[in-house]
Protein backbone atom coordinates (compact mmCIF):
# COMPACT_ATOMS: atom_id res chain seq x y z
CA MET A 1 0.00 0.00 0.00
CA LYS A 2 1.10 3.57 -0.67
CA TRP A 3 1.36 5.63 2.51
CA SER A 4 4.30 8.04 2.36
CA GLY A 5 3.75 11.79 2.49
CA ARG A 6 0.90 11.75 5.01
CA ARG A 7 0.54 14.51 7.59
CA SER A 8 1.30 13.82 11.23
CA SER A 9 -1.43 13.18 13.80
CA GLU A 10 -1.68 14.65 17.28
CA ASN A 11 -3.60 11.50 18.23
CA PHE A 12 -0.69 9.09 17.77
CA GLU A 13 1.14 7.96 20.91
CA ASP A 14 4.29 5.87 20.73
CA ARG A 15 4.93 4.36 24.17
CA ARG A 16 7.27 1.62 23.04
CA GLY A 17 10.11 1.25 25.49
CA MET A 18 8.12 2.70 28.38
CA SER A 19 7.49 0.61 31.49
CA SER A 20 4.09 -0.43 32.84
CA GLY A 21 2.58 -3.03 35.12
CA GLY A 22 -0.42 -4.08 37.14
CA LYS A 23 -3.68 -5.86 36.42
CA THR A 24 -3.97 -7.14 32.86
CA ILE A 25 -6.96 -7.22 30.55
CA VAL A 26 -7.93 -9.40 27.60
CA GLY A 27 -8.14 -7.60 24.27
CA GLY A 28 -10.09 -8.33 21.12
CA GLY A 29 -7.20 -9.74 19.10
CA ILE A 30 -6.27 -13.31 18.28
CA ILE A 31 -4.29 -13.84 21.48
CA GLY A 32 -7.17 -12.38 23.46
CA ILE A 33 -9.44 -14.92 21.79
CA ILE A 34 -7.10 -17.72 22.83
CA ILE A 35 -7.19 -16.52 26.43
CA LEU A 36 -10.98 -16.55 26.26
CA LEU A 37 -10.82 -20.12 24.96
CA LEU A 38 -8.84 -21.03 28.05
CA ASN A 39 -11.68 -19.75 30.18
CA VAL A 40 -14.44 -21.30 28.06
CA PHE A 41 -13.06 -24.79 27.56
CA GLY A 42 -10.60 -25.39 30.41
CA GLY A 43 -9.39 -28.93 31.12
CA GLU A 44 -7.44 -30.61 28.36
CA ASN A 45 -7.96 -27.66 26.02
CA ALA A 46 -6.48 -25.29 28.58
CA GLN A 47 -3.44 -27.54 28.80
CA MET A 48 -3.17 -27.42 25.01
CA LEU A 49 -3.41 -23.64 24.87
CA THR A 50 -1.15 -22.72 27.76
CA PRO A 51 2.16 -23.54 25.98
CA ILE A 52 1.13 -21.29 23.09
CA LEU A 53 0.57 -18.34 25.38
CA GLU A 54 3.82 -19.07 27.20
CA GLN A 55 5.72 -19.08 23.91
CA PHE A 56 4.08 -15.84 22.83
CA ASN A 57 4.93 -14.13 26.11
CA GLN A 58 8.59 -15.14 26.01
CA GLY A 59 10.55 -11.96 25.50
CA GLN A 60 7.36 -9.88 25.75
CA SER A 61 7.59 -8.73 29.37
CA ALA A 62 7.14 -5.05 30.03
CA PRO A 63 10.30 -2.94 29.80
CA THR A 64 11.70 -1.73 33.09
CA GLU A 65 13.17 1.53 31.84
CA GLN A 66 12.95 4.03 28.99
CA ARG A 67 14.93 3.22 25.86
CA ASP A 68 15.48 4.89 22.51
CA LEU A 69 13.62 3.50 19.51
CA THR A 70 15.58 1.95 16.67
CA ALA A 71 15.46 3.37 13.16
CA ALA A 72 13.26 0.44 12.11
CA GLU A 73 10.85 1.09 14.98
CA ILE A 74 10.65 4.77 14.08
CA GLU A 75 9.76 3.84 10.50
CA GLU A 76 7.12 1.40 11.77
CA GLY A 77 5.65 4.20 13.85
CA LYS A 78 5.44 6.50 10.84
CA PHE A 79 3.56 3.79 8.94
CA ILE A 80 1.07 3.22 11.77
CA GLU A 81 0.57 6.98 12.12
CA ALA A 82 -0.13 7.25 8.39
CA ILE A 83 -2.90 4.66 8.68
CA LEU A 84 -4.35 6.52 11.66
CA VAL A 85 -4.33 9.76 9.67
CA ASP A 86 -6.22 8.11 6.84
CA THR A 87 -8.86 6.79 9.26
CA GLU A 88 -9.24 10.29 10.69
CA ASP A 89 -9.78 11.83 7.25
CA VAL A 90 -12.14 9.12 6.01
CA TRP A 91 -14.37 8.92 9.07
CA SER A 92 -14.51 12.69 9.42
CA LYS A 93 -15.80 12.81 5.83
CA ILE A 94 -18.33 10.01 6.35
CA PHE A 95 -19.68 11.55 9.55
CA GLU A 96 -19.92 14.97 7.91
CA GLU A 97 -21.84 13.46 4.99
CA ASN A 98 -24.31 12.10 7.53
CA ASN A 99 -24.62 15.38 9.47
CA MET A 100 -22.55 14.15 12.40
CA GLN A 101 -19.21 15.15 13.89
CA TYR A 102 -16.43 12.61 14.21
CA LYS A 103 -14.24 12.61 17.31
CA ASN A 104 -10.79 11.23 16.60
CA PRO A 105 -9.55 8.40 18.82
CA ASN A 106 -5.92 8.02 19.87
CA LEU A 107 -3.76 5.12 18.78
CA VAL A 108 -1.11 3.89 21.21
CA LEU A 109 1.82 1.67 20.30
CA PHE A 110 3.42 -0.20 23.19
CA THR A 111 5.88 -2.99 23.82
CA GLY A 112 5.31 -5.55 26.54
CA GLY A 113 2.73 -3.75 28.66
CA VAL A 114 0.67 -0.58 28.84
CA GLU A 115 -1.70 1.21 31.21
CA THR A 116 -5.21 1.97 29.90
CA ALA A 117 -8.54 3.19 31.23
CA CYS A 118 -9.76 -0.40 30.80
CA GLY A 119 -6.98 -1.84 32.94
CA ASN A 120 -3.38 -2.74 32.21
CA ALA A 121 -2.62 -4.81 29.12
CA THR A 122 0.23 -6.99 27.91
CA SER A 123 1.28 -8.10 24.45
CA ALA A 124 -0.89 -11.19 24.90
CA SER A 125 -4.01 -9.01 24.87
CA GLY A 126 -3.68 -8.44 21.14
CA PRO A 127 -4.79 -5.15 19.51
CA PHE A 128 -7.86 -3.72 21.24
CA TYR A 129 -10.03 -0.63 21.56
CA CYS A 130 -10.72 0.77 25.03
CA PRO A 131 -14.00 2.74 25.16
CA GLY A 132 -13.03 4.15 28.56
CA ASP A 133 -10.39 6.43 27.05
CA GLN A 134 -11.37 6.01 23.37
CA LYS A 135 -7.94 4.75 22.38
CA VAL A 136 -6.69 1.85 20.27
CA TYR A 137 -3.79 -0.08 21.79
CA MET A 138 -1.46 -2.41 19.95
CA ASP A 139 1.87 -4.18 20.29
CA LEU A 140 3.29 -4.81 16.82
CA ALA A 141 4.53 -8.24 17.94
CA PHE A 142 0.95 -9.37 17.28
CA PHE A 143 1.42 -9.22 13.53
CA GLU A 144 4.43 -11.52 13.50
CA GLU A 145 2.50 -13.97 15.66
CA LEU A 146 -0.49 -13.75 13.32
CA LYS A 147 1.73 -14.67 10.38
CA THR A 148 4.05 -17.28 11.84
CA ARG A 149 1.69 -19.19 14.13
CA PHE A 150 -1.73 -18.68 12.56
CA GLY A 151 -0.83 -18.67 8.89
CA ALA A 152 -1.82 -15.16 7.83
CA GLN A 153 -0.13 -13.86 4.70
CA GLY A 154 1.14 -10.77 6.49
CA GLY A 155 1.96 -7.53 4.69
CA ASP A 156 1.37 -3.86 5.35
CA PHE A 157 -2.30 -3.91 4.45
CA ALA A 158 -2.96 -6.72 6.92
CA THR A 159 -1.82 -4.23 9.55
CA ALA A 160 -4.05 -1.54 8.05
CA TYR A 161 -7.04 -3.91 8.17
CA VAL A 162 -6.53 -4.65 11.87
CA ILE A 163 -6.20 -0.96 12.71
CA ALA A 164 -9.28 -0.12 10.64
CA HIS A 165 -11.20 -2.87 12.47
CA GLU A 166 -10.29 -1.40 15.86
CA ILE A 167 -11.19 2.09 14.66
CA GLY A 168 -14.49 0.52 13.64
CA HIS A 169 -15.12 -0.20 17.31
CA HIS A 170 -14.56 3.50 18.01
CA VAL A 171 -17.15 4.35 15.37
CA GLN A 172 -19.56 1.96 17.10
CA THR A 173 -18.91 3.75 20.40
CA LEU A 174 -19.64 7.15 18.85
CA LEU A 175 -22.83 5.86 17.21
CA GLY A 176 -24.00 4.20 20.41
CA THR A 177 -23.97 0.72 18.88
CA SER A 178 -21.62 -0.76 21.48
CA ALA A 179 -23.73 0.48 24.39
CA LYS A 180 -26.92 -0.86 22.78
CA MET A 181 -25.27 -4.23 22.23
CA ARG A 182 -24.29 -4.48 25.89
CA GLN A 183 -27.88 -3.67 26.88
CA MET A 184 -29.16 -6.36 24.52
CA GLN A 185 -26.80 -8.89 26.14
CA GLU A 186 -28.32 -8.36 29.59
CA GLY A 187 -30.35 -11.37 30.67
CA LYS A 188 -29.34 -13.40 27.63
CA SER A 189 -27.80 -16.85 27.73
CA GLU A 190 -24.09 -17.09 27.02
CA ALA A 191 -24.76 -18.41 23.51
CA GLU A 192 -27.19 -15.58 22.74
CA ALA A 193 -24.81 -12.98 24.16
CA ASN A 194 -22.01 -14.41 22.03
CA LYS A 195 -24.12 -13.99 18.89
CA LEU A 196 -24.46 -10.29 19.68
CA SER A 197 -20.72 -10.06 20.20
CA VAL A 198 -20.20 -11.67 16.80
CA ALA A 199 -22.49 -9.09 15.21
CA LEU A 200 -20.49 -6.26 16.78
CA GLU A 201 -17.20 -7.68 15.55
CA LEU A 202 -18.48 -8.33 12.03
CA GLN A 203 -19.74 -4.77 11.84
CA ALA A 204 -16.24 -3.57 12.75
CA ASP A 205 -14.95 -5.67 9.84
CA PHE A 206 -17.58 -4.06 7.62
CA TYR A 207 -16.44 -0.60 8.75
CA ALA A 208 -12.85 -1.58 7.94
CA GLY A 209 -14.06 -2.33 4.42
CA VAL A 210 -15.92 0.98 4.20
CA TRP A 211 -12.75 2.78 5.25
CA THR A 212 -10.80 0.95 2.54
CA HIS A 213 -13.40 1.96 -0.07
CA TYR A 214 -13.28 5.64 0.87
CA ASN A 215 -9.53 5.80 1.33
CA GLN A 216 -8.97 4.33 -2.11
CA LYS A 217 -11.12 7.10 -3.60
CA MET A 218 -9.37 9.78 -1.56
CA ASN A 219 -5.75 8.60 -1.71
CA ASN A 220 -5.55 5.82 -4.34
CA PHE A 221 -3.46 3.93 -1.80
CA LEU A 222 -4.07 0.29 -2.69
CA GLU A 223 -1.50 -1.82 -4.49
CA GLU A 224 -1.77 -5.28 -6.05
CA GLY A 225 -2.28 -7.93 -3.39
CA ASP A 226 -3.38 -5.58 -0.61
CA ILE A 227 -6.96 -6.85 -0.42
CA ASP A 228 -5.66 -10.41 -0.36
CA GLU A 229 -3.53 -9.49 2.66
CA ALA A 230 -6.59 -8.20 4.49
CA LEU A 231 -8.64 -11.28 3.62
CA SER A 232 -5.83 -13.55 4.77
CA ALA A 233 -5.71 -11.75 8.12
CA ALA A 234 -9.51 -11.88 8.43
CA HIS A 235 -9.43 -15.61 7.73
CA ALA A 236 -6.73 -16.21 10.34
CA VAL A 237 -8.72 -14.49 13.10
CA GLY A 238 -12.01 -16.29 12.39
CA ASP A 239 -13.30 -18.19 15.42
CA ASP A 240 -13.58 -21.43 13.46
CA ALA A 241 -10.03 -21.16 12.11
CA ILE A 242 -8.60 -20.49 15.57
CA GLN A 243 -10.57 -23.24 17.30
CA SER A 244 -9.75 -25.77 14.60
CA LYS A 245 -6.06 -24.99 14.87
CA ILE A 246 -5.93 -24.91 18.67
CA GLN A 247 -8.27 -27.75 19.67
CA GLY A 248 -9.03 -29.65 16.48
CA HIS A 249 -12.79 -28.94 16.44
CA ILE A 250 -15.16 -25.99 16.60
CA VAL A 251 -17.88 -25.00 19.07
CA PRO A 252 -20.11 -22.49 17.20
CA GLU A 253 -22.06 -21.34 20.27
CA SER A 254 -18.78 -20.12 21.78
CA PHE A 255 -17.92 -17.90 18.79
CA THR A 256 -17.45 -14.23 19.74
CA HIS A 257 -15.90 -12.74 16.58
CA GLY A 258 -17.41 -14.67 13.67
CA THR A 259 -16.20 -17.32 11.27
CA SER A 260 -13.45 -16.72 8.74
CA ALA A 261 -16.04 -16.66 5.95
CA GLN A 262 -18.21 -14.14 7.79
CA ARG A 263 -15.31 -11.83 8.56
CA LYS A 264 -14.09 -11.85 4.96
CA SER A 265 -17.61 -11.41 3.60
CA TRP A 266 -18.44 -8.39 5.74
CA PHE A 267 -15.10 -6.72 5.03
CA MET A 268 -15.67 -7.16 1.30
CA LYS A 269 -19.24 -5.86 1.54
CA GLY A 270 -17.97 -2.68 3.16
CA TYR A 271 -15.17 -2.37 0.62
CA LYS A 272 -17.42 -2.88 -2.41
CA THR A 273 -20.33 -0.69 -1.29
CA GLY A 274 -18.74 2.02 0.85
CA ASP A 275 -22.22 2.45 2.31
CA ILE A 276 -22.40 2.46 6.12
CA THR A 277 -26.17 1.90 5.99
CA GLN A 278 -25.58 -1.63 4.66
CA GLY A 279 -23.71 -2.83 7.74
CA ASN A 280 -26.56 -4.05 9.95
CA THR A 281 -24.86 -7.26 11.02
CA PHE A 282 -27.31 -7.65 13.89
CA ALA A 283 -30.23 -8.13 11.49
CA ASP A 284 -28.17 -10.57 9.44
CA LEU A 285 -27.68 -12.89 12.44
CA GLU A 286 -31.37 -13.13 13.36
């Protein structure tokens, strides 16, 4: 993808190399899903999953003191900031077209651990959006794990897709969708509540596609193979793909993010239409 020459963003925070600690939280990324699987399945499955988390966490402990970023890390930061800038411009335009005002979220890069309004997180949380402070948090180690352990193709647009998905959760917060979903979950069985969670996640994938559609029109940023990178990442983080790889079988009622096919389908619908009114994933799951 083409990204050089973007403006800077006052909403980008690079905390890599800074220390943190305390209570940890589970994010919405692939490692967060694995941690949830530990809680859901326990027993033999927990014993199967634990070594994976231990391997992921090796070398991922929170830094104990400030350090200077390497040239490669600085370049990575510029790339992430460029994606954030494009989400700011696209969603500001979409909200304006719909007579609303978009409030930019912050995006925080960290290494090892970070403090958030939703609790303290580690690398194992995966990328996540915290509605408490309206910030997206991510440790870039996630993307190497996604590629090497879970078979994603990788690439710069895979990173852009994940960021756009998390920004999609911010859009849901601004529109009140997230709060409504939590209200709908009250009093529901675990399986019914999970279906609502799936709908929320698929809508974030749809919004990632909408962002891609608009950003292509505004910046002509896509290159050959970029969409394939996004679809490969979406496939890798499907609940069925993860459960099949980790435990050898799937349990549909435990899904919280959607199948690989669903995630790819909703991303592509957003990308092809660019129409936020076509993203009612809640109606689709009825």
